[in-house]
Every structure is written in C-alpha cells, then in structure tokens.
C-alpha cells in the first residue's frame, strides 16, 4: 500500500482514464498562382506573377477542450517585369520571396469541439 501511495504522489495528474495523448494531426494546404499583364497606349508593358503556398497542421492534447495546437508554414514568391515603350529599349524587373511561419496554442478554448 505504501508503494502505491508514493506512486500516486509522484504523478499527481495520473488517474483512471486520464492519458496525456496527442490526437492525430490534421493537415491542410493551399497553392495559389496570380498572373497579371498590363499594356499601356505608349507601348509599355508590365507583368507580375505571384506564387503563394501554405500548409497547416493542427491537433489537440488530451481532450479537445484542454489544449489545441496549430502550426503553419508558408512561402510567397513574386516576379515583376516591365518593359519600356518602342522609343526606349530596355526592361526592368525583380524577384522576391518570403517564408512565413506561425504557431498558436489555446489552453482551455471556448469550444469543446477541436476545430
């Protein structure tokens, strides 16, 4: 009996039916491509392209109403090209990219449903 009392004191959050288990992870994502082209009367042109991707994982710990976890990762890439009219030759352009990340933890969220 003394051994079982000491074990209970060592793990105060252990009880029948109480398990610290992470639920299966849900994942979702999006991919988006946006292309634009503009031609002016003087012959100038402008083209833009934007690629956006996003993936998100979410789960909960123990019960949906105890702790909800959400993690996400995104990528944004853009390219811009513009050319001058027929009078002047040449073109300008540039590329850029960004990586984004996010994390959210909700302890005792308002809803008892996970998502």
PDB file of N, CA and C in Angstrom:
ATOM      1  N   UNK A   1       0.809  -1.200   0.000  1.00  0.00           N
ATOM      2  CA  UNK A   1       0.000   0.000   0.000  1.00  0.00           C
ATOM      3  C   UNK A   1       0.847   1.256   0.000  1.00  0.00           C
ATOM      4  N   UNK A   2       1.939   1.253   0.746  1.00  0.00           N
ATOM      5  CA  UNK A   2       2.789   2.438   0.796  1.00  0.00           C
ATOM      6  C   UNK A   2       3.375   2.743  -0.568  1.00  0.00           C
ATOM      7  N   UNK A   3       3.692   1.684  -1.343  1.00  0.00           N
ATOM      8  CA  UNK A   3       4.246   1.882  -2.682  1.00  0.00           C
ATOM      9  C   UNK A   3       3.250   2.547  -3.612  1.00  0.00           C
ATOM     10  N   UNK A   4       2.001   2.146  -3.554  1.00  0.00           N
ATOM     11  CA  UNK A   4       1.002   2.736  -4.443  1.00  0.00           C
ATOM     12  C   UNK A   4       0.712   4.186  -4.062  1.00  0.00           C
ATOM     13  N   UNK A   5       0.777   4.528  -2.803  1.00  0.00           N
ATOM     14  CA  UNK A   5       0.584   5.915  -2.371  1.00  0.00           C
ATOM     15  C   UNK A   5       1.735   6.781  -2.854  1.00  0.00           C
ATOM     16  N   UNK A   6       2.959   6.267  -2.771  1.00  0.00           N
ATOM     17  CA  UNK A   6       4.123   7.021  -3.240  1.00  0.00           C
ATOM     18  C   UNK A   6       4.056   7.229  -4.750  1.00  0.00           C
ATOM     19  N   UNK A   7       3.580   6.216  -5.490  1.00  0.00           N
ATOM     20  CA  UNK A   7       3.453   6.358  -6.938  1.00  0.00           C
ATOM     21  C   UNK A   7       2.428   7.428  -7.285  1.00  0.00           C
ATOM     22  N   UNK A   8       1.318   7.459  -6.574  1.00  0.00           N
ATOM     23  CA  UNK A   8       0.302   8.481  -6.833  1.00  0.00           C
ATOM     24  C   UNK A   8       0.816   9.872  -6.498  1.00  0.00           C
ATOM     25  N   UNK A   9       1.609   9.997  -5.466  1.00  0.00           N
ATOM     26  CA  UNK A   9       2.163  11.299  -5.100  1.00  0.00           C
ATOM     27  C   UNK A   9       3.184  11.759  -6.132  1.00  0.00           C
ATOM     28  N   UNK A  10       3.926  10.827  -6.721  1.00  0.00           N
ATOM     29  CA  UNK A  10       4.927  11.189  -7.720  1.00  0.00           C
ATOM     30  C   UNK A  10       4.273  11.672  -9.016  1.00  0.00           C
ATOM     31  N   UNK A  11       3.122  11.147  -9.369  1.00  0.00           N
ATOM     32  CA  UNK A  11       2.406  11.548 -10.576  1.00  0.00           C
ATOM     33  C   UNK A  11       1.012  12.021 -10.197  1.00  0.00           C
ATOM     34  N   UNK A  12       0.868  13.273  -9.787  1.00  0.00           N
ATOM     35  CA  UNK A  12      -0.429  13.750  -9.313  1.00  0.00           C
ATOM     36  C   UNK A  12      -1.485  13.843 -10.416  1.00  0.00           C
ATOM     37  N   UNK A  13      -1.073  13.923 -11.703  1.00  0.00           N
ATOM     38  CA  UNK A  13      -2.050  14.049 -12.781  1.00  0.00           C
ATOM     39  C   UNK A  13      -2.462  12.711 -13.363  1.00  0.00           C
ATOM     40  N   UNK A  14      -2.013  11.629 -12.770  1.00  0.00           N
ATOM     41  CA  UNK A  14      -2.385  10.308 -13.261  1.00  0.00           C
ATOM     42  C   UNK A  14      -3.639   9.839 -12.525  1.00  0.00           C
ATOM     43  N   UNK A  15      -4.631   9.459 -13.305  1.00  0.00           N
ATOM     44  CA  UNK A  15      -5.894   8.973 -12.753  1.00  0.00           C
ATOM     45  C   UNK A  15      -6.480   7.982 -13.743  1.00  0.00           C
ATOM     46  N   UNK A  16      -7.413   7.160 -13.315  1.00  0.00           N
ATOM     47  CA  UNK A  16      -8.032   6.223 -14.251  1.00  0.00           C
ATOM     48  C   UNK A  16      -8.706   6.975 -15.404  1.00  0.00           C
ATOM     49  N   UNK A  17      -8.402   6.581 -16.630  1.00  0.00           N
ATOM     50  CA  UNK A  17      -8.991   7.218 -17.799  1.00  0.00           C
ATOM     51  C   UNK A  17      -8.339   8.523 -18.204  1.00  0.00           C
ATOM     52  N   UNK A  18      -7.315   8.957 -17.524  1.00  0.00           N
ATOM     53  CA  UNK A  18      -6.644  10.228 -17.815  1.00  0.00           C
ATOM     54  C   UNK A  18      -5.317   9.915 -18.492  1.00  0.00           C
ATOM     55  N   UNK A  19      -5.207  10.199 -19.788  1.00  0.00           N
ATOM     56  CA  UNK A  19      -3.974   9.938 -20.529  1.00  0.00           C
ATOM     57  C   UNK A  19      -3.571  11.191 -21.293  1.00  0.00           C
ATOM     58  N   UNK A  20      -2.282  11.510 -21.226  1.00  0.00           N
ATOM     59  CA  UNK A  20      -1.744  12.641 -21.975  1.00  0.00           C
ATOM     60  C   UNK A  20      -1.433  12.155 -23.389  1.00  0.00           C
ATOM     61  N   UNK A  21      -2.383  12.270 -24.282  1.00  0.00           N
ATOM     62  CA  UNK A  21      -2.240  11.764 -25.640  1.00  0.00           C
ATOM     63  C   UNK A  21      -2.507  12.903 -26.625  1.00  0.00           C
ATOM     64  N   UNK A  22      -1.638  13.013 -27.635  1.00  0.00           N
ATOM     65  CA  UNK A  22      -1.863  13.974 -28.711  1.00  0.00           C
ATOM     66  C   UNK A  22      -2.712  13.283 -29.772  1.00  0.00           C
ATOM     67  N   UNK A  23      -3.781  13.921 -30.158  1.00  0.00           N
ATOM     68  CA  UNK A  23      -4.679  13.371 -31.185  1.00  0.00           C
ATOM     69  C   UNK A  23      -3.959  13.329 -32.531  1.00  0.00           C
ATOM     70  N   UNK A  24      -4.473  12.571 -33.489  1.00  0.00           N
ATOM     71  CA  UNK A  24      -3.857  12.557 -34.825  1.00  0.00           C
ATOM     72  C   UNK A  24      -3.820  13.968 -35.418  1.00  0.00           C
ATOM     73  N   UNK A  25      -2.753  14.256 -36.130  1.00  0.00           N
ATOM     74  CA  UNK A  25      -2.581  15.579 -36.728  1.00  0.00           C
ATOM     75  C   UNK A  25      -3.422  15.693 -37.987  1.00  0.00           C
ATOM     76  N   UNK A  26      -4.134  16.808 -38.102  1.00  0.00           N
ATOM     77  CA  UNK A  26      -4.838  17.143 -39.342  1.00  0.00           C
ATOM     78  C   UNK A  26      -3.947  18.088 -40.124  1.00  0.00           C
ATOM     79  N   UNK A  27      -3.957  17.976 -41.424  1.00  0.00           N
ATOM     80  CA  UNK A  27      -3.184  18.906 -42.233  1.00  0.00           C
ATOM     81  C   UNK A  27      -4.012  19.398 -43.410  1.00  0.00           C
ATOM     82  N   UNK A  28      -3.746  20.627 -43.778  1.00  0.00           N
ATOM     83  CA  UNK A  28      -4.441  21.247 -44.904  1.00  0.00           C
ATOM     84  C   UNK A  28      -3.470  22.206 -45.573  1.00  0.00           C
ATOM     85  N   UNK A  29      -3.706  22.508 -46.816  1.00  0.00           N
ATOM     86  CA  UNK A  29      -2.812  23.420 -47.513  1.00  0.00           C
ATOM     87  C   UNK A  29      -3.480  24.050 -48.718  1.00  0.00           C
ATOM     88  N   UNK A  30      -2.837  25.096 -49.221  1.00  0.00           N
ATOM     89  CA  UNK A  30      -3.315  25.787 -50.413  1.00  0.00           C
ATOM     90  C   UNK A  30      -2.130  26.144 -51.300  1.00  0.00           C
ATOM     91  N   UNK A  31      -2.386  26.225 -52.582  1.00  0.00           N
ATOM     92  CA  UNK A  31      -1.423  26.725 -53.564  1.00  0.00           C
ATOM     93  C   UNK A  31      -2.180  27.721 -54.428  1.00  0.00           C
ATOM     94  N   UNK A  32      -1.592  28.896 -54.613  1.00  0.00           N
ATOM     95  CA  UNK A  32      -2.263  29.944 -55.369  1.00  0.00           C
ATOM     96  C   UNK A  32      -1.271  30.571 -56.349  1.00  0.00           C
ATOM     97  N   UNK A  33      -1.705  30.796 -57.575  1.00  0.00           N
ATOM     98  CA  UNK A  33      -0.885  31.446 -58.597  1.00  0.00           C
ATOM     99  C   UNK A  33      -1.684  32.614 -59.159  1.00  0.00           C
ATOM    100  N   UNK A  34      -1.089  33.800 -59.152  1.00  0.00           N
ATOM    101  CA  UNK A  34      -1.748  35.005 -59.639  1.00  0.00           C
ATOM    102  C   UNK A  34      -0.866  35.614 -60.725  1.00  0.00           C
ATOM    103  N   UNK A  35      -1.393  35.747 -61.938  1.00  0.00           N
ATOM    104  CA  UNK A  35      -0.662  36.336 -63.061  1.00  0.00           C
ATOM    105  C   UNK A  35      -1.405  37.574 -63.546  1.00  0.00           C
ATOM    106  N   UNK A  36      -0.643  38.649 -63.814  1.00  0.00           N
ATOM    107  CA  UNK A  36      -1.238  39.898 -64.298  1.00  0.00           C
ATOM    108  C   UNK A  36      -0.390  40.443 -65.440  1.00  0.00           C
ATOM    109  N   UNK A  37      -1.039  41.045 -66.403  1.00  0.00           N
ATOM    110  CA  UNK A  37      -0.341  41.670 -67.522  1.00  0.00           C
ATOM    111  C   UNK A  37      -1.048  42.979 -67.855  1.00  0.00           C
ATOM    112  N   UNK A  38      -0.251  44.021 -68.113  1.00  0.00           N
ATOM    113  CA  UNK A  38      -0.804  45.337 -68.410  1.00  0.00           C
ATOM    114  C   UNK A  38      -0.045  45.920 -69.600  1.00  0.00           C
ATOM    115  N   UNK A  39      -0.773  46.404 -70.609  1.00  0.00           N
ATOM    116  CA  UNK A  39      -0.152  47.053 -71.760  1.00  0.00           C
ATOM    117  C   UNK A  39      -0.739  48.463 -71.880  1.00  0.00           C
ATOM    118  N   UNK A  40       0.128  49.453 -71.901  1.00  0.00           N
ATOM    119  CA  UNK A  40      -0.308  50.845 -71.989  1.00  0.00           C
ATOM    120  C   UNK A  40      -0.311  51.311 -73.444  1.00  0.00           C
ATOM    121  N   UNK A  41      -0.925  52.471 -73.710  1.00  0.00           N
ATOM    122  CA  UNK A  41      -1.024  53.003 -75.071  1.00  0.00           C
ATOM    123  C   UNK A  41       0.332  53.340 -75.670  1.00  0.00           C
ATOM    124  N   UNK A  42       1.292  53.754 -74.850  1.00  0.00           N
ATOM    125  CA  UNK A  42       2.612  54.128 -75.375  1.00  0.00           C
ATOM    126  C   UNK A  42       3.522  52.913 -75.591  1.00  0.00           C
ATOM    127  N   UNK A  43       3.014  51.711 -75.409  1.00  0.00           N
ATOM    128  CA  UNK A  43       3.792  50.505 -75.673  1.00  0.00           C
ATOM    129  C   UNK A  43       4.447  49.885 -74.451  1.00  0.00           C
ATOM    130  N   UNK A  44       4.372  50.536 -73.320  1.00  0.00           N
ATOM    131  CA  UNK A  44       4.957  49.954 -72.113  1.00  0.00           C
ATOM    132  C   UNK A  44       4.126  48.755 -71.666  1.00  0.00           C
ATOM    133  N   UNK A  45       4.820  47.753 -71.159  1.00  0.00           N
ATOM    134  CA  UNK A  45       4.127  46.575 -70.639  1.00  0.00           C
ATOM    135  C   UNK A  45       4.630  46.271 -69.234  1.00  0.00           C
ATOM    136  N   UNK A  46       3.771  45.668 -68.482  1.00  0.00           N
ATOM    137  CA  UNK A  46       4.114  45.268 -67.116  1.00  0.00           C
ATOM    138  C   UNK A  46       3.504  43.896 -66.865  1.00  0.00           C
ATOM    139  N   UNK A  47       4.316  42.992 -66.323  1.00  0.00           N
ATOM    140  CA  UNK A  47       3.832  41.651 -65.993  1.00  0.00           C
ATOM    141  C   UNK A  47       4.222  41.334 -64.559  1.00  0.00           C
ATOM    142  N   UNK A  48       3.291  40.717 -63.860  1.00  0.00           N
ATOM    143  CA  UNK A  48       3.526  40.321 -62.473  1.00  0.00           C
ATOM    144  C   UNK A  48       3.044  38.896 -62.270  1.00  0.00           C
ATOM    145  N   UNK A  49       3.786  38.153 -61.471  1.00  0.00           N
ATOM    146  CA  UNK A  49       3.388  36.801 -61.102  1.00  0.00           C
ATOM    147  C   UNK A  49       3.647  36.578 -59.623  1.00  0.00           C
ATOM    148  N   UNK A  50       2.682  36.009 -58.934  1.00  0.00           N
ATOM    149  CA  UNK A  50       2.812  35.740 -57.501  1.00  0.00           C
ATOM    150  C   UNK A  50       2.406  34.289 -57.246  1.00  0.00           C
ATOM    151  N   UNK A  51       3.291  33.545 -56.601  1.00  0.00           N
ATOM    152  CA  UNK A  51       3.017  32.167 -56.209  1.00  0.00           C
ATOM    153  C   UNK A  51       2.975  32.120 -54.688  1.00  0.00           C
ATOM    154  N   UNK A  52       1.903  31.572 -54.155  1.00  0.00           N
ATOM    155  CA  UNK A  52       1.724  31.501 -52.707  1.00  0.00           C
ATOM    156  C   UNK A  52       1.357  30.075 -52.322  1.00  0.00           C
ATOM    157  N   UNK A  53       2.059  29.526 -51.346  1.00  0.00           N
ATOM    158  CA  UNK A  53       1.732  28.195 -50.830  1.00  0.00           C
ATOM    159  C   UNK A  53       1.611  28.280 -49.315  1.00  0.00           C
ATOM    160  N   UNK A  54       0.801  27.406 -48.769  1.00  0.00           N
ATOM    161  CA  UNK A  54       0.567  27.422 -47.329  1.00  0.00           C
ATOM    162  C   UNK A  54       0.200  26.009 -46.883  1.00  0.00           C
ATOM    163  N   UNK A  55       0.772  25.567 -45.780  1.00  0.00           N
ATOM    164  CA  UNK A  55       0.404  24.275 -45.201  1.00  0.00           C
ATOM    165  C   UNK A  55       0.228  24.472 -43.698  1.00  0.00           C
ATOM    166  N   UNK A  56      -0.768  23.797 -43.149  1.00  0.00           N
ATOM    167  CA  UNK A  56      -1.090  23.966 -41.731  1.00  0.00           C
ATOM    168  C   UNK A  56      -1.366  22.611 -41.091  1.00  0.00           C
ATOM    169  N   UNK A  57      -0.872  22.443 -39.871  1.00  0.00           N
ATOM    170  CA  UNK A  57      -1.106  21.233 -39.083  1.00  0.00           C
ATOM    171  C   UNK A  57      -1.815  21.643 -37.800  1.00  0.00           C
ATOM    172  N   UNK A  58      -2.792  20.853 -37.370  1.00  0.00           N
ATOM    173  CA  UNK A  58      -3.433  21.131 -36.086  1.00  0.00           C
ATOM    174  C   UNK A  58      -3.832  19.830 -35.400  1.00  0.00           C
ATOM    175  N   UNK A  59      -3.868  19.909 -34.082  1.00  0.00           N
ATOM    176  CA  UNK A  59      -4.212  18.770 -33.247  1.00  0.00           C
ATOM    177  C   UNK A  59      -4.610  19.295 -31.876  1.00  0.00           C
ATOM    178  N   UNK A  60      -4.863  18.379 -30.963  1.00  0.00           N
ATOM    179  CA  UNK A  60      -5.149  18.778 -29.593  1.00  0.00           C
ATOM    180  C   UNK A  60      -4.515  17.774 -28.648  1.00  0.00           C
ATOM    181  N   UNK A  61      -4.305  18.194 -27.422  1.00  0.00           N
ATOM    182  CA  UNK A  61      -3.692  17.364 -26.392  1.00  0.00           C
ATOM    183  C   UNK A  61      -4.761  16.930 -25.400  1.00  0.00           C
ATOM    184  N   UNK A  62      -4.806  15.665 -25.130  1.00  0.00           N
ATOM    185  CA  UNK A  62      -5.684  15.004 -24.180  1.00  0.00           C
ATOM    186  C   UNK A  62      -7.140  15.058 -24.604  1.00  0.00           C
ATOM    187  N   UNK A  63      -7.786  16.189 -24.498  1.00  0.00           N
ATOM    188  CA  UNK A  63      -9.176  16.360 -24.907  1.00  0.00           C
ATOM    189  C   UNK A  63      -9.262  17.650 -25.725  1.00  0.00           C
ATOM    190  N   UNK A  64     -10.222  17.748 -26.636  1.00  0.00           N
ATOM    191  CA  UNK A  64     -10.323  18.962 -27.454  1.00  0.00           C
ATOM    192  C   UNK A  64     -10.504  20.237 -26.642  1.00  0.00           C
ATOM    193  N   UNK A  65     -11.072  20.125 -25.485  1.00  0.00           N
ATOM    194  CA  UNK A  65     -11.317  21.335 -24.686  1.00  0.00           C
ATOM    195  C   UNK A  65     -10.150  21.679 -23.769  1.00  0.00           C
ATOM    196  N   UNK A  66      -9.071  20.881 -23.776  1.00  0.00           N
ATOM    197  CA  UNK A  66      -7.945  21.145 -22.880  1.00  0.00           C
ATOM    198  C   UNK A  66      -6.882  22.018 -23.551  1.00  0.00           C
ATOM    199  N   UNK A  67      -6.256  21.532 -24.623  1.00  0.00           N
ATOM    200  CA  UNK A  67      -5.216  22.300 -25.318  1.00  0.00           C
ATOM    201  C   UNK A  67      -5.301  22.022 -26.811  1.00  0.00           C
ATOM    202  N   UNK A  68      -5.451  23.088 -27.598  1.00  0.00           N
ATOM    203  CA  UNK A  68      -5.440  22.971 -29.052  1.00  0.00           C
ATOM    204  C   UNK A  68      -4.145  23.566 -29.579  1.00  0.00           C
ATOM    205  N   UNK A  69      -3.556  22.895 -30.589  1.00  0.00           N
ATOM    206  CA  UNK A  69      -2.288  23.336 -31.166  1.00  0.00           C
ATOM    207  C   UNK A  69      -2.463  23.523 -32.667  1.00  0.00           C
ATOM    208  N   UNK A  70      -1.852  24.573 -33.204  1.00  0.00           N
ATOM    209  CA  UNK A  70      -1.905  24.834 -34.645  1.00  0.00           C
ATOM    210  C   UNK A  70      -0.553  25.399 -35.084  1.00  0.00           C
ATOM    211  N   UNK A  71       0.005  24.809 -36.141  1.00  0.00           N
ATOM    212  CA  UNK A  71       1.283  25.240 -36.696  1.00  0.00           C
ATOM    213  C   UNK A  71       1.117  25.433 -38.198  1.00  0.00           C
ATOM    214  N   UNK A  72       1.807  26.419 -38.758  1.00  0.00           N
ATOM    215  CA  UNK A  72       1.696  26.661 -40.189  1.00  0.00           C
ATOM    216  C   UNK A  72       2.997  27.152 -40.783  1.00  0.00           C
ATOM    217  N   UNK A  73       3.150  26.903 -42.076  1.00  0.00           N
ATOM    218  CA  UNK A  73       4.334  27.314 -42.817  1.00  0.00           C
ATOM    219  C   UNK A  73       3.874  27.773 -44.190  1.00  0.00           C
ATOM    220  N   UNK A  74       4.418  28.883 -44.667  1.00  0.00           N
ATOM    221  CA  UNK A  74       4.015  29.412 -45.961  1.00  0.00           C
ATOM    222  C   UNK A  74       5.199  29.910 -46.762  1.00  0.00           C
ATOM    223  N   UNK A  75       5.006  30.024 -48.060  1.00  0.00           N
ATOM    224  CA  UNK A  75       6.029  30.517 -48.979  1.00  0.00           C
ATOM    225  C   UNK A  75       5.358  31.459 -49.962  1.00  0.00           C
ATOM    226  N   UNK A  76       5.992  32.602 -50.194  1.00  0.00           N
ATOM    227  CA  UNK A  76       5.481  33.584 -51.135  1.00  0.00           C
ATOM    228  C   UNK A  76       6.617  33.960 -52.074  1.00  0.00           C
ATOM    229  N   UNK A  77       6.408  33.824 -53.381  1.00  0.00           N
ATOM    230  CA  UNK A  77       7.408  34.189 -54.386  1.00  0.00           C
ATOM    231  C   UNK A  77       6.754  35.109 -55.404  1.00  0.00           C
ATOM    232  N   UNK A  78       7.443  36.194 -55.766  1.00  0.00           N
ATOM    233  CA  UNK A  78       6.883  37.169 -56.698  1.00  0.00           C
ATOM    234  C   UNK A  78       7.921  37.548 -57.748  1.00  0.00           C
ATOM    235  N   UNK A  79       7.431  37.822 -58.952  1.00  0.00           N
ATOM    236  CA  UNK A  79       8.296  38.275 -60.041  1.00  0.00           C
ATOM    237  C   UNK A  79       7.575  39.404 -60.763  1.00  0.00           C
ATOM    238  N   UNK A  80       8.319  40.469 -61.051  1.00  0.00           N
ATOM    239  CA  UNK A  80       7.756  41.644 -61.705  1.00  0.00           C
ATOM    240  C   UNK A  80       8.669  42.022 -62.869  1.00  0.00           C
ATOM    241  N   UNK A  81       8.089  42.210 -64.046  1.00  0.00           N
ATOM    242  CA  UNK A  81       8.853  42.609 -65.227  1.00  0.00           C
ATOM    243  C   UNK A  81       8.103  43.733 -65.921  1.00  0.00           C
ATOM    244  N   UNK A  82       8.822  44.784 -66.287  1.00  0.00           N
ATOM    245  CA  UNK A  82       8.210  45.868 -67.048  1.00  0.00           C
ATOM    246  C   UNK A  82       9.167  46.257 -68.168  1.00  0.00           C
ATOM    247  N   UNK A  83       8.615  46.534 -69.331  1.00  0.00           N
ATOM    248  CA  UNK A  83       9.433  46.968 -70.467  1.00  0.00           C
ATOM    249  C   UNK A  83       8.960  48.347 -70.893  1.00  0.00           C
ATOM    250  N   UNK A  84       9.909  49.109 -71.402  1.00  0.00           N
ATOM    251  CA  UNK A  84       9.606  50.476 -71.815  1.00  0.00           C
ATOM    252  C   UNK A  84       9.003  50.461 -73.210  1.00  0.00           C
ATOM    253  N   UNK A  85       8.510  51.587 -73.644  1.00  0.00           N
ATOM    254  CA  UNK A  85       7.856  51.688 -74.947  1.00  0.00           C
ATOM    255  C   UNK A  85       8.819  51.488 -76.107  1.00  0.00           C
ATOM    256  N   UNK A  86       8.309  51.658 -77.323  1.00  0.00           N
ATOM    257  CA  UNK A  86       9.108  51.450 -78.532  1.00  0.00           C
ATOM    258  C   UNK A  86      10.218  52.484 -78.664  1.00  0.00           C
ATOM    259  N   UNK A  87      10.048  53.685 -78.090  1.00  0.00           N
ATOM    260  CA  UNK A  87      11.061  54.741 -78.201  1.00  0.00           C
ATOM    261  C   UNK A  87      12.317  54.401 -77.412  1.00  0.00           C
ATOM    262  N   UNK A  88      12.186  53.802 -76.255  1.00  0.00           N
ATOM    263  CA  UNK A  88      13.342  53.454 -75.426  1.00  0.00           C
ATOM    264  C   UNK A  88      13.373  51.952 -75.251  1.00  0.00           C
ATOM    265  N   UNK A  89      14.544  51.371 -75.468  1.00  0.00           N
ATOM    266  CA  UNK A  89      14.687  49.924 -75.344  1.00  0.00           C
ATOM    267  C   UNK A  89      15.203  49.583 -73.958  1.00  0.00           C
ATOM    268  N   UNK A  90      14.771  48.483 -73.444  1.00  0.00           N
ATOM    269  CA  UNK A  90      15.224  48.038 -72.129  1.00  0.00           C
ATOM    270  C   UNK A  90      14.053  47.552 -71.305  1.00  0.00           C
ATOM    271  N   UNK A  91      14.395  46.891 -70.246  1.00  0.00           N
ATOM    272  CA  UNK A  91      13.352  46.393 -69.352  1.00  0.00           C
ATOM    273  C   UNK A  91      13.879  46.374 -67.925  1.00  0.00           C
ATOM    274  N   UNK A  92      12.965  46.450 -67.009  1.00  0.00           N
ATOM    275  CA  UNK A  92      13.278  46.383 -65.582  1.00  0.00           C
ATOM    276  C   UNK A  92      12.515  45.204 -64.996  1.00  0.00           C
ATOM    277  N   UNK A  93      13.029  44.678 -63.923  1.00  0.00           N
ATOM    278  CA  UNK A  93      12.313  43.579 -63.280  1.00  0.00           C
ATOM    279  C   UNK A  93      12.946  43.222 -61.953  1.00  0.00           C
ATOM    280  N   UNK A  94      12.274  42.369 -61.249  1.00  0.00           N
ATOM    281  CA  UNK A  94      12.786  41.931 -59.961  1.00  0.00           C
ATOM    282  C   UNK A  94      12.031  40.720 -59.460  1.00  0.00           C
ATOM    283  N   UNK A  95      12.670  40.017 -58.559  1.00  0.00           N
ATOM    284  CA  UNK A  95      12.041  38.865 -57.916  1.00  0.00           C
ATOM    285  C   UNK A  95      12.193  39.008 -56.408  1.00  0.00           C
ATOM    286  N   UNK A  96      11.287  38.409 -55.694  1.00  0.00           N
ATOM    287  CA  UNK A  96      11.373  38.421 -54.236  1.00  0.00           C
ATOM    288  C   UNK A  96      10.705  37.164 -53.690  1.00  0.00           C
ATOM    289  N   UNK A  97      11.082  36.808 -52.497  1.00  0.00           N
ATOM    290  CA  UNK A  97      10.495  35.637 -51.855  1.00  0.00           C
ATOM    291  C   UNK A  97      10.483  35.796 -50.348  1.00  0.00           C
ATOM    292  N   UNK A  98       9.529  35.167 -49.724  1.00  0.00           N
ATOM    293  CA  UNK A  98       9.375  35.243 -48.275  1.00  0.00           C
ATOM    294  C   UNK A  98       8.887  33.902 -47.748  1.00  0.00           C
ATOM    295  N   UNK A  99       9.399  33.520 -46.592  1.00  0.00           N
ATOM    296  CA  UNK A  99       8.927  32.331 -45.884  1.00  0.00           C
ATOM    297  C   UNK A  99       8.235  32.809 -44.614  1.00  0.00           C
ATOM    298  N   UNK A 100       7.059  32.276 -44.343  1.00  0.00           N
ATOM    299  CA  UNK A 100       6.317  32.664 -43.148  1.00  0.00           C
ATOM    300  C   UNK A 100       6.065  31.441 -42.272  1.00  0.00           C
ATOM    301  N   UNK A 101       5.909  31.682 -41.010  1.00  0.00           N
ATOM    302  CA  UNK A 101       5.591  30.616 -40.071  1.00  0.00           C
ATOM    303  C   UNK A 101       4.701  31.143 -38.962  1.00  0.00           C
ATOM    304  N   UNK A 102       3.935  30.256 -38.375  1.00  0.00           N
ATOM    305  CA  UNK A 102       3.052  30.674 -37.285  1.00  0.00           C
ATOM    306  C   UNK A 102       2.786  29.490 -36.356  1.00  0.00           C
ATOM    307  N   UNK A 103       2.429  29.817 -35.147  1.00  0.00           N
ATOM    308  CA  UNK A 103       2.111  28.810 -34.144  1.00  0.00           C
ATOM    309  C   UNK A 103       1.055  29.397 -33.215  1.00  0.00           C
ATOM    310  N   UNK A 104       0.088  28.593 -32.843  1.00  0.00           N
ATOM    311  CA  UNK A 104      -0.948  29.037 -31.913  1.00  0.00           C
ATOM    312  C   UNK A 104      -1.257  27.906 -30.942  1.00  0.00           C
ATOM    313  N   UNK A 105      -1.297  28.239 -29.677  1.00  0.00           N
ATOM    314  CA  UNK A 105      -1.688  27.305 -28.628  1.00  0.00           C
ATOM    315  C   UNK A 105      -2.866  27.917 -27.882  1.00  0.00           C
ATOM    316  N   UNK A 106      -3.909  27.143 -27.688  1.00  0.00           N
ATOM    317  CA  UNK A 106      -5.089  27.626 -26.968  1.00  0.00           C
ATOM    318  C   UNK A 106      -5.345  26.692 -25.794  1.00  0.00           C
ATOM    319  N   UNK A 107      -5.123  27.190 -24.590  1.00  0.00           N
ATOM    320  CA  UNK A 107      -5.357  26.424 -23.374  1.00  0.00           C
ATOM    321  C   UNK A 107      -6.779  26.701 -22.901  1.00  0.00           C
ATOM    322  N   UNK A 108      -7.553  25.659 -22.693  1.00  0.00           N
ATOM    323  CA  UNK A 108      -8.969  25.750 -22.335  1.00  0.00           C
ATOM    324  C   UNK A 108      -9.739  26.647 -23.312  1.00  0.00           C
ATOM    325  N   UNK A 109      -9.773  26.279 -24.598  1.00  0.00           N
ATOM    326  CA  UNK A 109     -10.516  27.094 -25.565  1.00  0.00           C
ATOM    327  C   UNK A 109     -12.010  27.091 -25.248  1.00  0.00           C
ATOM    328  N   UNK A 110     -12.718  28.032 -25.811  1.00  0.00           N
ATOM    329  CA  UNK A 110     -14.140  28.209 -25.501  1.00  0.00           C
ATOM    330  C   UNK A 110     -14.994  27.040 -25.980  1.00  0.00           C
ATOM    331  N   UNK A 111     -14.653  26.464 -27.122  1.00  0.00           N
ATOM    332  CA  UNK A 111     -15.468  25.383 -27.670  1.00  0.00           C
ATOM    333  C   UNK A 111     -14.988  24.032 -27.165  1.00  0.00           C
ATOM    334  N   UNK A 112     -15.890  23.088 -27.012  1.00  0.00           N
ATOM    335  CA  UNK A 112     -15.487  21.755 -26.606  1.00  0.00           C
ATOM    336  C   UNK A 112     -15.185  20.879 -27.810  1.00  0.00           C
ATOM    337  N   UNK A 113     -15.363  21.411 -29.042  1.00  0.00           N
ATOM    338  CA  UNK A 113     -15.045  20.685 -30.261  1.00  0.00           C
ATOM    339  C   UNK A 113     -13.669  21.122 -30.750  1.00  0.00           C
ATOM    340  N   UNK A 114     -12.871  20.217 -31.325  1.00  0.00           N
ATOM    341  CA  UNK A 114     -11.476  20.545 -31.603  1.00  0.00           C
ATOM    342  C   UNK A 114     -11.255  21.606 -32.671  1.00  0.00           C
ATOM    343  N   UNK A 115     -12.061  21.659 -33.724  1.00  0.00           N
ATOM    344  CA  UNK A 115     -11.739  22.596 -34.806  1.00  0.00           C
ATOM    345  C   UNK A 115     -12.971  23.284 -35.325  1.00  0.00           C
TER     346      UNK A 115
END
